Amino acid sequence: MIGVPESHSGWTFITSHARVLAAIADNPNVRMRDIAARCRLTERAISRIISDLEQAGYLSHTREGRTNTYRVEPDKVLRHPAEAGLPVASLLSLLVQDETERTRTPVTRR
């Protein structure tokens, strides 16, 4: 990936759950290993996060042969009281657009 920062410790602005949901929203047929690479997490962590998202009703999947096809529930509201009433689609529209732009446009360093 172009312009991807090195690994770091400490906090980040976007949670792993949001990153995984954005990766799935960007490609409903994405493989867990590809999500793991994109989000810089282990496949085991991705599996746990997908399970969390499904249990909370943000995500569902159907199995087609060896492939999962995911469906994001865009009208499901975000969990934190500070975002009460804000649908997940609002967050994803920012994250998916940003990821698409970031992979298309090379980052110039000074």
PDB file of N, CA and C in Angstrom:
ATOM      1  N   MET A   1       0.835  -1.180   0.000  1.00  0.00           N
ATOM      2  CA  MET A   1       0.000   0.000   0.000  1.00  0.00           C
ATOM      3  C   MET A   1       0.877   1.240   0.000  1.00  0.00           C
ATOM      4  N   ILE A   2       0.457   2.211  -0.730  1.00  0.00           N
ATOM      5  CA  ILE A   2       1.191   3.462  -0.809  1.00  0.00           C
ATOM      6  C   ILE A   2       0.784   4.351   0.358  1.00  0.00           C
ATOM      7  N   GLY A   3       1.756   4.948   1.019  1.00  0.00           N
ATOM      8  CA  GLY A   3       1.469   5.903   2.059  1.00  0.00           C
ATOM      9  C   GLY A   3       0.960   5.342   3.367  1.00  0.00           C
ATOM     10  N   VAL A   4       1.155   4.076   3.599  1.00  0.00           N
ATOM     11  CA  VAL A   4       0.699   3.470   4.846  1.00  0.00           C
ATOM     12  C   VAL A   4       1.757   3.678   5.907  1.00  0.00           C
ATOM     13  N   PRO A   5       1.367   4.249   7.045  1.00  0.00           N
ATOM     14  CA  PRO A   5       2.350   4.486   8.095  1.00  0.00           C
ATOM     15  C   PRO A   5       2.837   3.179   8.711  1.00  0.00           C
ATOM     16  N   GLU A   6       4.004   3.240   9.310  1.00  0.00           N
ATOM     17  CA  GLU A   6       4.563   2.076   9.995  1.00  0.00           C
ATOM     18  C   GLU A   6       3.712   1.733  11.211  1.00  0.00           C
ATOM     19  N   SER A   7       3.879   0.510  11.715  1.00  0.00           N
ATOM     20  CA  SER A   7       3.183   0.101  12.928  1.00  0.00           C
ATOM     21  C   SER A   7       3.558   1.027  14.070  1.00  0.00           C
ATOM     22  N   HIS A   8       2.639   1.167  14.993  1.00  0.00           N
ATOM     23  CA  HIS A   8       2.885   2.027  16.138  1.00  0.00           C
ATOM     24  C   HIS A   8       2.118   1.488  17.335  1.00  0.00           C
ATOM     25  N   SER A   9       2.406   2.030  18.477  1.00  0.00           N
ATOM     26  CA  SER A   9       1.631   1.690  19.662  1.00  0.00           C
ATOM     27  C   SER A   9       0.880   2.934  20.099  1.00  0.00           C
ATOM     28  N   GLY A  10      -0.137   2.754  20.885  1.00  0.00           N
ATOM     29  CA  GLY A  10      -0.928   3.888  21.335  1.00  0.00           C
ATOM     30  C   GLY A  10      -2.292   3.890  20.678  1.00  0.00           C
ATOM     31  N   TRP A  11      -3.001   4.946  20.886  1.00  0.00           N
ATOM     32  CA  TRP A  11      -4.373   5.023  20.408  1.00  0.00           C
ATOM     33  C   TRP A  11      -4.448   5.436  18.945  1.00  0.00           C
ATOM     34  N   THR A  12      -5.597   5.184  18.329  1.00  0.00           N
ATOM     35  CA  THR A  12      -5.869   5.615  16.959  1.00  0.00           C
ATOM     36  C   THR A  12      -7.262   6.221  16.919  1.00  0.00           C
ATOM     37  N   PHE A  13      -7.568   6.934  15.866  1.00  0.00           N
ATOM     38  CA  PHE A  13      -8.880   7.568  15.743  1.00  0.00           C
ATOM     39  C   PHE A  13      -9.974   6.578  15.364  1.00  0.00           C
ATOM     40  N   ILE A  14      -9.646   5.590  14.586  1.00  0.00           N
ATOM     41  CA  ILE A  14     -10.643   4.645  14.086  1.00  0.00           C
ATOM     42  C   ILE A  14     -10.416   3.281  14.733  1.00  0.00           C
ATOM     43  N   THR A  15     -11.490   2.653  15.207  1.00  0.00           N
ATOM     44  CA  THR A  15     -11.364   1.351  15.858  1.00  0.00           C
ATOM     45  C   THR A  15     -11.159   0.247  14.824  1.00  0.00           C
ATOM     46  N   SER A  16     -10.681  -0.881  15.291  1.00  0.00           N
ATOM     47  CA  SER A  16     -10.520  -2.049  14.424  1.00  0.00           C
ATOM     48  C   SER A  16     -11.872  -2.505  13.888  1.00  0.00           C
ATOM     49  N   HIS A  17     -12.909  -2.420  14.698  1.00  0.00           N
ATOM     50  CA  HIS A  17     -14.241  -2.814  14.252  1.00  0.00           C
ATOM     51  C   HIS A  17     -14.697  -1.939  13.079  1.00  0.00           C
ATOM     52  N   ALA A  18     -14.449  -0.644  13.158  1.00  0.00           N
ATOM     53  CA  ALA A  18     -14.823   0.264  12.070  1.00  0.00           C
ATOM     54  C   ALA A  18     -14.005  -0.034  10.813  1.00  0.00           C
ATOM     55  N   ARG A  19     -12.722  -0.325  10.983  1.00  0.00           N
ATOM     56  CA  ARG A  19     -11.873  -0.654   9.828  1.00  0.00           C
ATOM     57  C   ARG A  19     -12.357  -1.920   9.128  1.00  0.00           C
ATOM     58  N   VAL A  20     -12.693  -2.943   9.915  1.00  0.00           N
ATOM     59  CA  VAL A  20     -13.167  -4.205   9.340  1.00  0.00           C
ATOM     60  C   VAL A  20     -14.491  -3.983   8.620  1.00  0.00           C
ATOM     61  N   LEU A  21     -15.401  -3.261   9.241  1.00  0.00           N
ATOM     62  CA  LEU A  21     -16.690  -2.992   8.613  1.00  0.00           C
ATOM     63  C   LEU A  21     -16.514  -2.203   7.317  1.00  0.00           C
ATOM     64  N   ALA A  22     -15.592  -1.260   7.298  1.00  0.00           N
ATOM     65  CA  ALA A  22     -15.321  -0.476   6.085  1.00  0.00           C
ATOM     66  C   ALA A  22     -14.743  -1.358   4.986  1.00  0.00           C
ATOM     67  N   ALA A  23     -13.851  -2.279   5.345  1.00  0.00           N
ATOM     68  CA  ALA A  23     -13.269  -3.192   4.346  1.00  0.00           C
ATOM     69  C   ALA A  23     -14.347  -4.065   3.727  1.00  0.00           C
ATOM     70  N   ILE A  24     -15.279  -4.512   4.554  1.00  0.00           N
ATOM     71  CA  ILE A  24     -16.370  -5.345   4.050  1.00  0.00           C
ATOM     72  C   ILE A  24     -17.339  -4.520   3.216  1.00  0.00           C
ATOM     73  N   ALA A  25     -17.638  -3.299   3.643  1.00  0.00           N
ATOM     74  CA  ALA A  25     -18.520  -2.424   2.871  1.00  0.00           C
ATOM     75  C   ALA A  25     -17.922  -2.125   1.498  1.00  0.00           C
ATOM     76  N   ASP A  26     -16.610  -2.025   1.446  1.00  0.00           N
ATOM     77  CA  ASP A  26     -15.904  -1.752   0.190  1.00  0.00           C
ATOM     78  C   ASP A  26     -15.942  -2.949  -0.753  1.00  0.00           C
ATOM     79  N   ASN A  27     -15.961  -4.175  -0.184  1.00  0.00           N
ATOM     80  CA  ASN A  27     -15.981  -5.389  -0.998  1.00  0.00           C
ATOM     81  C   ASN A  27     -16.690  -6.495  -0.212  1.00  0.00           C
ATOM     82  N   PRO A  28     -17.974  -6.723  -0.470  1.00  0.00           N
ATOM     83  CA  PRO A  28     -18.744  -7.707   0.293  1.00  0.00           C
ATOM     84  C   PRO A  28     -18.242  -9.150   0.165  1.00  0.00           C
ATOM     85  N   ASN A  29     -17.394  -9.429  -0.796  1.00  0.00           N
ATOM     86  CA  ASN A  29     -16.863 -10.783  -0.981  1.00  0.00           C
ATOM     87  C   ASN A  29     -15.410 -10.904  -0.523  1.00  0.00           C
ATOM     88  N   VAL A  30     -14.924  -9.931   0.211  1.00  0.00           N
ATOM     89  CA  VAL A  30     -13.524  -9.901   0.633  1.00  0.00           C
ATOM     90  C   VAL A  30     -13.210 -11.094   1.532  1.00  0.00           C
ATOM     91  N   ARG A  31     -12.003 -11.630   1.381  1.00  0.00           N
ATOM     92  CA  ARG A  31     -11.559 -12.752   2.222  1.00  0.00           C
ATOM     93  C   ARG A  31     -10.988 -12.228   3.536  1.00  0.00           C
ATOM     94  N   MET A  32     -11.075 -13.061   4.564  1.00  0.00           N
ATOM     95  CA  MET A  32     -10.553 -12.666   5.873  1.00  0.00           C
ATOM     96  C   MET A  32      -9.074 -12.315   5.797  1.00  0.00           C
ATOM     97  N   ARG A  33      -8.303 -13.062   5.027  1.00  0.00           N
ATOM     98  CA  ARG A  33      -6.868 -12.758   4.941  1.00  0.00           C
ATOM     99  C   ARG A  33      -6.623 -11.397   4.317  1.00  0.00           C
ATOM    100  N   ASP A  34      -7.487 -10.994   3.382  1.00  0.00           N
ATOM    101  CA  ASP A  34      -7.343  -9.672   2.772  1.00  0.00           C
ATOM    102  C   ASP A  34      -7.748  -8.562   3.732  1.00  0.00           C
ATOM    103  N   ILE A  35      -8.789  -8.818   4.529  1.00  0.00           N
ATOM    104  CA  ILE A  35      -9.174  -7.851   5.562  1.00  0.00           C
ATOM    105  C   ILE A  35      -8.030  -7.708   6.562  1.00  0.00           C
ATOM    106  N   ALA A  36      -7.461  -8.840   6.956  1.00  0.00           N
ATOM    107  CA  ALA A  36      -6.359  -8.828   7.928  1.00  0.00           C
ATOM    108  C   ALA A  36      -5.185  -8.001   7.405  1.00  0.00           C
ATOM    109  N   ALA A  37      -4.845  -8.180   6.144  1.00  0.00           N
ATOM    110  CA  ALA A  37      -3.733  -7.425   5.559  1.00  0.00           C
ATOM    111  C   ALA A  37      -4.065  -5.935   5.498  1.00  0.00           C
ATOM    112  N   ARG A  38      -5.268  -5.616   5.088  1.00  0.00           N
ATOM    113  CA  ARG A  38      -5.676  -4.217   4.961  1.00  0.00           C
ATOM    114  C   ARG A  38      -5.723  -3.520   6.325  1.00  0.00           C
ATOM    115  N   CYS A  39      -6.223  -4.233   7.330  1.00  0.00           N
ATOM    116  CA  CYS A  39      -6.395  -3.644   8.664  1.00  0.00           C
ATOM    117  C   CYS A  39      -5.189  -3.860   9.567  1.00  0.00           C
ATOM    118  N   ARG A  40      -4.217  -4.627   9.074  1.00  0.00           N
ATOM    119  CA  ARG A  40      -3.014  -4.947   9.850  1.00  0.00           C
ATOM    120  C   ARG A  40      -3.347  -5.629  11.172  1.00  0.00           C
ATOM    121  N   LEU A  41      -4.211  -6.644  11.051  1.00  0.00           N
ATOM    122  CA  LEU A  41      -4.618  -7.464  12.183  1.00  0.00           C
ATOM    123  C   LEU A  41      -4.448  -8.921  11.806  1.00  0.00           C
ATOM    124  N   THR A  42      -4.535  -9.803  12.784  1.00  0.00           N
ATOM    125  CA  THR A  42      -4.462 -11.230  12.499  1.00  0.00           C
ATOM    126  C   THR A  42      -5.814 -11.722  11.982  1.00  0.00           C
ATOM    127  N   GLU A  43      -5.801 -12.848  11.284  1.00  0.00           N
ATOM    128  CA  GLU A  43      -7.057 -13.433  10.811  1.00  0.00           C
ATOM    129  C   GLU A  43      -7.944 -13.829  11.983  1.00  0.00           C
ATOM    130  N   ARG A  44      -7.327 -14.251  13.073  1.00  0.00           N
ATOM    131  CA  ARG A  44      -8.093 -14.601  14.270  1.00  0.00           C
ATOM    132  C   ARG A  44      -8.818 -13.371  14.825  1.00  0.00           C
ATOM    133  N   ALA A  45      -8.138 -12.226  14.848  1.00  0.00           N
ATOM    134  CA  ALA A  45      -8.768 -10.989  15.309  1.00  0.00           C
ATOM    135  C   ALA A  45      -9.912 -10.588  14.380  1.00  0.00           C
ATOM    136  N   ILE A  46      -9.707 -10.757  13.081  1.00  0.00           N
ATOM    137  CA  ILE A  46     -10.748 -10.436  12.104  1.00  0.00           C
ATOM    138  C   ILE A  46     -11.970 -11.316  12.338  1.00  0.00           C
ATOM    139  N   SER A  47     -11.749 -12.597  12.568  1.00  0.00           N
ATOM    140  CA  SER A  47     -12.846 -13.526  12.825  1.00  0.00           C
ATOM    141  C   SER A  47     -13.647 -13.095  14.056  1.00  0.00           C
ATOM    142  N   ARG A  48     -12.955 -12.695  15.116  1.00  0.00           N
ATOM    143  CA  ARG A  48     -13.617 -12.247  16.344  1.00  0.00           C
ATOM    144  C   ARG A  48     -14.413 -10.968  16.095  1.00  0.00           C
ATOM    145  N   ILE A  49     -13.830 -10.044  15.358  1.00  0.00           N
ATOM    146  CA  ILE A  49     -14.499  -8.772  15.077  1.00  0.00           C
ATOM    147  C   ILE A  49     -15.735  -8.994  14.212  1.00  0.00           C
ATOM    148  N   ILE A  50     -15.628  -9.844  13.202  1.00  0.00           N
ATOM    149  CA  ILE A  50     -16.781 -10.154  12.358  1.00  0.00           C
ATOM    150  C   ILE A  50     -17.892 -10.784  13.199  1.00  0.00           C
ATOM    151  N   SER A  51     -17.527 -11.664  14.114  1.00  0.00           N
ATOM    152  CA  SER A  51     -18.504 -12.269  15.012  1.00  0.00           C
ATOM    153  C   SER A  51     -19.181 -11.203  15.870  1.00  0.00           C
ATOM    154  N   ASP A  52     -18.394 -10.283  16.420  1.00  0.00           N
ATOM    155  CA  ASP A  52     -18.956  -9.178  17.213  1.00  0.00           C
ATOM    156  C   ASP A  52     -19.950  -8.366  16.388  1.00  0.00           C
ATOM    157  N   LEU A  53     -19.557  -8.019  15.157  1.00  0.00           N
ATOM    158  CA  LEU A  53     -20.402  -7.198  14.297  1.00  0.00           C
ATOM    159  C   LEU A  53     -21.688  -7.925  13.914  1.00  0.00           C
ATOM    160  N   GLU A  54     -21.592  -9.242  13.691  1.00  0.00           N
ATOM    161  CA  GLU A  54     -22.788 -10.023  13.377  1.00  0.00           C
ATOM    162  C   GLU A  54     -23.717 -10.121  14.584  1.00  0.00           C
ATOM    163  N   GLN A  55     -23.161 -10.384  15.754  1.00  0.00           N
ATOM    164  CA  GLN A  55     -23.979 -10.483  16.968  1.00  0.00           C
ATOM    165  C   GLN A  55     -24.687  -9.176  17.284  1.00  0.00           C
ATOM    166  N   ALA A  56     -24.059  -8.055  16.974  1.00  0.00           N
ATOM    167  CA  ALA A  56     -24.646  -6.739  17.235  1.00  0.00           C
ATOM    168  C   ALA A  56     -25.616  -6.308  16.131  1.00  0.00           C
ATOM    169  N   GLY A  57     -25.696  -7.080  15.038  1.00  0.00           N
ATOM    170  CA  GLY A  57     -26.638  -6.774  13.968  1.00  0.00           C
ATOM    171  C   GLY A  57     -26.143  -5.810  12.912  1.00  0.00           C
ATOM    172  N   TYR A  58     -24.848  -5.494  12.903  1.00  0.00           N
ATOM    173  CA  TYR A  58     -24.286  -4.590  11.891  1.00  0.00           C
ATOM    174  C   TYR A  58     -23.938  -5.309  10.599  1.00  0.00           C
ATOM    175  N   LEU A  59     -23.862  -6.615  10.674  1.00  0.00           N
ATOM    176  CA  LEU A  59     -23.336  -7.402   9.568  1.00  0.00           C
ATOM    177  C   LEU A  59     -23.996  -8.765   9.564  1.00  0.00           C
ATOM    178  N   SER A  60     -24.191  -9.320   8.374  1.00  0.00           N
ATOM    179  CA  SER A  60     -24.625 -10.712   8.234  1.00  0.00           C
ATOM    180  C   SER A  60     -23.867 -11.290   7.048  1.00  0.00           C
ATOM    181  N   HIS A  61     -23.899 -12.606   6.924  1.00  0.00           N
ATOM    182  CA  HIS A  61     -23.212 -13.217   5.787  1.00  0.00           C
ATOM    183  C   HIS A  61     -23.970 -14.434   5.298  1.00  0.00           C
ATOM    184  N   THR A  62     -23.745 -14.744   4.036  1.00  0.00           N
ATOM    185  CA  THR A  62     -24.241 -15.985   3.452  1.00  0.00           C
ATOM    186  C   THR A  62     -23.046 -16.711   2.875  1.00  0.00           C
ATOM    187  N   ARG A  63     -23.097 -17.995   2.964  1.00  0.00           N
ATOM    188  CA  ARG A  63     -22.014 -18.834   2.462  1.00  0.00           C
ATOM    189  C   ARG A  63     -22.371 -19.291   1.060  1.00  0.00           C
ATOM    190  N   GLU A  64     -21.465 -19.068   0.119  1.00  0.00           N
ATOM    191  CA  GLU A  64     -21.644 -19.498  -1.269  1.00  0.00           C
ATOM    192  C   GLU A  64     -20.424 -20.317  -1.652  1.00  0.00           C
ATOM    193  N   GLY A  65     -20.535 -21.639  -1.516  1.00  0.00           N
ATOM    194  CA  GLY A  65     -19.373 -22.500  -1.744  1.00  0.00           C
ATOM    195  C   GLY A  65     -18.348 -22.243  -0.664  1.00  0.00           C
ATOM    196  N   ARG A  66     -17.165 -21.843  -1.069  1.00  0.00           N
ATOM    197  CA  ARG A  66     -16.102 -21.538  -0.102  1.00  0.00           C
ATOM    198  C   ARG A  66     -15.994 -20.046   0.196  1.00  0.00           C
ATOM    199  N   THR A  67     -16.930 -19.276  -0.350  1.00  0.00           N
ATOM    200  CA  THR A  67     -16.874 -17.824  -0.228  1.00  0.00           C
ATOM    201  C   THR A  67     -17.999 -17.295   0.651  1.00  0.00           C
ATOM    202  N   ASN A  68     -17.679 -16.344   1.493  1.00  0.00           N
ATOM    203  CA  ASN A  68     -18.691 -15.616   2.258  1.00  0.00           C
ATOM    204  C   ASN A  68     -19.033 -14.341   1.516  1.00  0.00           C
ATOM    205  N   THR A  69     -20.318 -14.031   1.473  1.00  0.00           N
ATOM    206  CA  THR A  69     -20.766 -12.738   0.978  1.00  0.00           C
ATOM    207  C   THR A  69     -21.402 -12.031   2.147  1.00  0.00           C
ATOM    208  N   TYR A  70     -20.848 -10.864   2.486  1.00  0.00           N
ATOM    209  CA  TYR A  70     -21.296 -10.117   3.644  1.00  0.00           C
ATOM    210  C   TYR A  70     -22.313  -9.061   3.247  1.00  0.00           C
ATOM    211  N   ARG A  71     -23.157  -8.735   4.190  1.00  0.00           N
ATOM    212  CA  ARG A  71     -24.121  -7.645   3.997  1.00  0.00           C
ATOM    213  C   ARG A  71     -24.061  -6.746   5.223  1.00  0.00           C
ATOM    214  N   VAL A  72     -23.732  -5.486   4.988  1.00  0.00           N
ATOM    215  CA  VAL A  72     -23.699  -4.480   6.041  1.00  0.00           C
ATOM    216  C   VAL A  72     -25.112  -3.918   6.180  1.00  0.00           C
ATOM    217  N   GLU A  73     -25.543  -3.714   7.404  1.00  0.00           N
ATOM    218  CA  GLU A  73     -26.856  -3.116   7.676  1.00  0.00           C
ATOM    219  C   GLU A  73     -26.662  -1.604   7.800  1.00  0.00           C
ATOM    220  N   PRO A  74     -26.873  -0.856   6.721  1.00  0.00           N
ATOM    221  CA  PRO A  74     -26.530   0.568   6.700  1.00  0.00           C
ATOM    222  C   PRO A  74     -27.372   1.442   7.623  1.00  0.00           C
ATOM    223  N   ASP A  75     -28.562   1.006   7.971  1.00  0.00           N
ATOM    224  CA  ASP A  75     -29.441   1.822   8.807  1.00  0.00           C
ATOM    225  C   ASP A  75     -29.261   1.577  10.295  1.00  0.00           C
ATOM    226  N   LYS A  76     -28.459   0.600  10.650  1.00  0.00           N
ATOM    227  CA  LYS A  76     -28.199   0.314  12.067  1.00  0.00           C
ATOM    228  C   LYS A  76     -27.455   1.514  12.657  1.00  0.00           C
ATOM    229  N   VAL A  77     -27.902   1.975  13.827  1.00  0.00           N
ATOM    230  CA  VAL A  77     -27.281   3.162  14.422  1.00  0.00           C
ATOM    231  C   VAL A  77     -26.019   2.788  15.193  1.00  0.00           C
ATOM    232  N   LEU A  78     -25.105   3.743  15.280  1.00  0.00           N
ATOM    233  CA  LEU A  78     -23.860   3.536  16.018  1.00  0.00           C
ATOM    234  C   LEU A  78     -24.160   3.348  17.499  1.00  0.00           C
ATOM    235  N   ARG A  79     -23.278   2.643  18.192  1.00  0.00           N
ATOM    236  CA  ARG A  79     -23.532   2.206  19.563  1.00  0.00           C
ATOM    237  C   ARG A  79     -23.318   3.263  20.637  1.00  0.00           C
ATOM    238  N   HIS A  80     -22.386   4.152  20.459  1.00  0.00           N
ATOM    239  CA  HIS A  80     -22.039   5.100  21.515  1.00  0.00           C
ATOM    240  C   HIS A  80     -23.132   6.172  21.654  1.00  0.00           C
ATOM    241  N   PRO A  81     -23.503   6.522  22.875  1.00  0.00           N
ATOM    242  CA  PRO A  81     -24.549   7.540  23.083  1.00  0.00           C
ATOM    243  C   PRO A  81     -24.245   8.888  22.418  1.00  0.00           C
ATOM    244  N   ALA A  82     -22.987   9.221  22.268  1.00  0.00           N
ATOM    245  CA  ALA A  82     -22.629  10.495  21.631  1.00  0.00           C
ATOM    246  C   ALA A  82     -23.008  10.517  20.151  1.00  0.00           C
ATOM    247  N   GLU A  83     -23.130   9.347  19.534  1.00  0.00           N
ATOM    248  CA  GLU A  83     -23.527   9.258  18.129  1.00  0.00           C
ATOM    249  C   GLU A  83     -24.948   8.737  17.983  1.00  0.00           C
ATOM    250  N   ALA A  84     -25.763   8.891  19.014  1.00  0.00           N
ATOM    251  CA  ALA A  84     -27.131   8.372  19.002  1.00  0.00           C
ATOM    252  C   ALA A  84     -27.873   8.835  17.753  1.00  0.00           C
ATOM    253  N   GLY A  85     -28.462   7.907  17.059  1.00  0.00           N
ATOM    254  CA  GLY A  85     -29.236   8.217  15.863  1.00  0.00           C
ATOM    255  C   GLY A  85     -28.432   8.270  14.580  1.00  0.00           C
ATOM    256  N   LEU A  86     -27.114   8.268  14.649  1.00  0.00           N
ATOM    257  CA  LEU A  86     -26.284   8.327  13.448  1.00  0.00           C
ATOM    258  C   LEU A  86     -26.160   6.924  12.860  1.00  0.00           C
ATOM    259  N   PRO A  87     -26.584   6.722  11.612  1.00  0.00           N
ATOM    260  CA  PRO A  87     -26.496   5.384  11.023  1.00  0.00           C
ATOM    261  C   PRO A  87     -25.062   5.027  10.633  1.00  0.00           C
ATOM    262  N   VAL A  88     -24.786   3.742  10.646  1.00  0.00           N
ATOM    263  CA  VAL A  88     -23.454   3.252  10.297  1.00  0.00           C
ATOM    264  C   VAL A  88     -23.077   3.665   8.868  1.00  0.00           C
ATOM    265  N   ALA A  89     -24.071   3.840   8.010  1.00  0.00           N
ATOM    266  CA  ALA A  89     -23.804   4.253   6.622  1.00  0.00           C
ATOM    267  C   ALA A  89     -23.088   5.601   6.566  1.00  0.00           C
ATOM    268  N   SER A  90     -23.387   6.496   7.498  1.00  0.00           N
ATOM    269  CA  SER A  90     -22.720   7.807   7.523  1.00  0.00           C
ATOM    270  C   SER A  90     -21.231   7.660   7.789  1.00  0.00           C
ATOM    271  N   LEU A  91     -20.892   6.814   8.737  1.00  0.00           N
ATOM    272  CA  LEU A  91     -19.486   6.561   9.042  1.00  0.00           C
ATOM    273  C   LEU A  91     -18.797   5.866   7.873  1.00  0.00           C
ATOM    274  N   LEU A  92     -19.438   4.856   7.327  1.00  0.00           N
ATOM    275  CA  LEU A  92     -18.829   4.088   6.239  1.00  0.00           C
ATOM    276  C   LEU A  92     -18.629   4.927   4.987  1.00  0.00           C
ATOM    277  N   SER A  93     -19.517   5.870   4.738  1.00  0.00           N
ATOM    278  CA  SER A  93     -19.343   6.705   3.539  1.00  0.00           C
ATOM    279  C   SER A  93     -18.046   7.495   3.618  1.00  0.00           C
ATOM    280  N   LEU A  94     -17.653   7.874   4.820  1.00  0.00           N
ATOM    281  CA  LEU A  94     -16.383   8.584   4.990  1.00  0.00           C
ATOM    282  C   LEU A  94     -15.195   7.637   4.892  1.00  0.00           C
ATOM    283  N   LEU A  95     -15.285   6.492   5.561  1.00  0.00           N
ATOM    284  CA  LEU A  95     -14.157   5.564   5.604  1.00  0.00           C
ATOM    285  C   LEU A  95     -13.896   4.891   4.265  1.00  0.00           C
ATOM    286  N   VAL A  96     -14.933   4.453   3.596  1.00  0.00           N
ATOM    287  CA  VAL A  96     -14.749   3.762   2.316  1.00  0.00           C
ATOM    288  C   VAL A  96     -14.258   4.735   1.263  1.00  0.00           C
ATOM    289  N   GLN A  97     -14.807   5.928   1.220  1.00  0.00           N
ATOM    290  CA  GLN A  97     -14.352   6.937   0.276  1.00  0.00           C
ATOM    291  C   GLN A  97     -12.892   7.282   0.540  1.00  0.00           C
ATOM    292  N   ASP A  98     -12.537   7.461   1.785  1.00  0.00           N
ATOM    293  CA  ASP A  98     -11.173   7.813   2.138  1.00  0.00           C
ATOM    294  C   ASP A  98     -10.202   6.713   1.724  1.00  0.00           C
ATOM    295  N   GLU A  99     -10.529   5.463   1.989  1.00  0.00           N
ATOM    296  CA  GLU A  99      -9.653   4.346   1.631  1.00  0.00           C
ATOM    297  C   GLU A  99      -9.489   4.259   0.119  1.00  0.00           C
ATOM    298  N   THR A 100     -10.580   4.460  -0.626  1.00  0.00           N
ATOM    299  CA  THR A 100     -10.507   4.409  -2.082  1.00  0.00           C
ATOM    300  C   THR A 100      -9.596   5.513  -2.609  1.00  0.00           C
ATOM    301  N   GLU A 101      -9.761   6.715  -2.110  1.00  0.00           N
ATOM    302  CA  GLU A 101      -8.921   7.833  -2.532  1.00  0.00           C
ATOM    303  C   GLU A 101      -7.464   7.599  -2.158  1.00  0.00           C
ATOM    304  N   ARG A 102      -7.240   7.059  -0.970  1.00  0.00           N
ATOM    305  CA  ARG A 102      -5.872   6.858  -0.484  1.00  0.00           C
ATOM    306  C   ARG A 102      -5.131   5.831  -1.334  1.00  0.00           C
ATOM    307  N   THR A 103      -5.801   4.797  -1.796  1.00  0.00           N
ATOM    308  CA  THR A 103      -5.120   3.783  -2.590  1.00  0.00           C
ATOM    309  C   THR A 103      -4.939   4.220  -4.035  1.00  0.00           C
ATOM    310  N   ARG A 104      -5.750   5.180  -4.501  1.00  0.00           N
ATOM    311  CA  ARG A 104      -5.615   5.666  -5.858  1.00  0.00           C
ATOM    312  C   ARG A 104      -4.586   6.788  -5.988  1.00  0.00           C
ATOM    313  N   THR A 105      -4.491   7.613  -4.970  1.00  0.00           N
ATOM    314  CA  THR A 105      -3.629   8.791  -5.027  1.00  0.00           C
ATOM    315  C   THR A 105      -2.364   8.555  -4.232  1.00  0.00           C
ATOM    316  N   PRO A 106      -1.195   8.570  -4.877  1.00  0.00           N
ATOM    317  CA  PRO A 106       0.046   8.392  -4.125  1.00  0.00           C
ATOM    318  C   PRO A 106       0.279   9.547  -3.151  1.00  0.00           C
ATOM    319  N   VAL A 107       0.814   9.205  -2.014  1.00  0.00           N
ATOM    320  CA  VAL A 107       1.131  10.205  -1.005  1.00  0.00           C
ATOM    321  C   VAL A 107       2.506  10.765  -1.295  1.00  0.00           C
ATOM    322  N   THR A 108       2.606  12.081  -1.332  1.00  0.00           N
ATOM    323  CA  THR A 108       3.916  12.702  -1.543  1.00  0.00           C
ATOM    324  C   THR A 108       4.475  13.072  -0.192  1.00  0.00           C
ATOM    325  N   ARG A 109       5.721  12.779   0.002  1.00  0.00           N
ATOM    326  CA  ARG A 109       6.384  13.078   1.276  1.00  0.00           C
ATOM    327  C   ARG A 109       7.319  14.239   1.087  1.00  0.00           C
ATOM    328  N   ARG A 110       7.402  15.062   2.083  1.00  0.00           N
ATOM    329  CA  ARG A 110       8.295  16.224   2.016  1.00  0.00           C
ATOM    330  C   ARG A 110       9.592  15.932   2.674  1.00  0.00           C
TER     331      ARG A 110
END
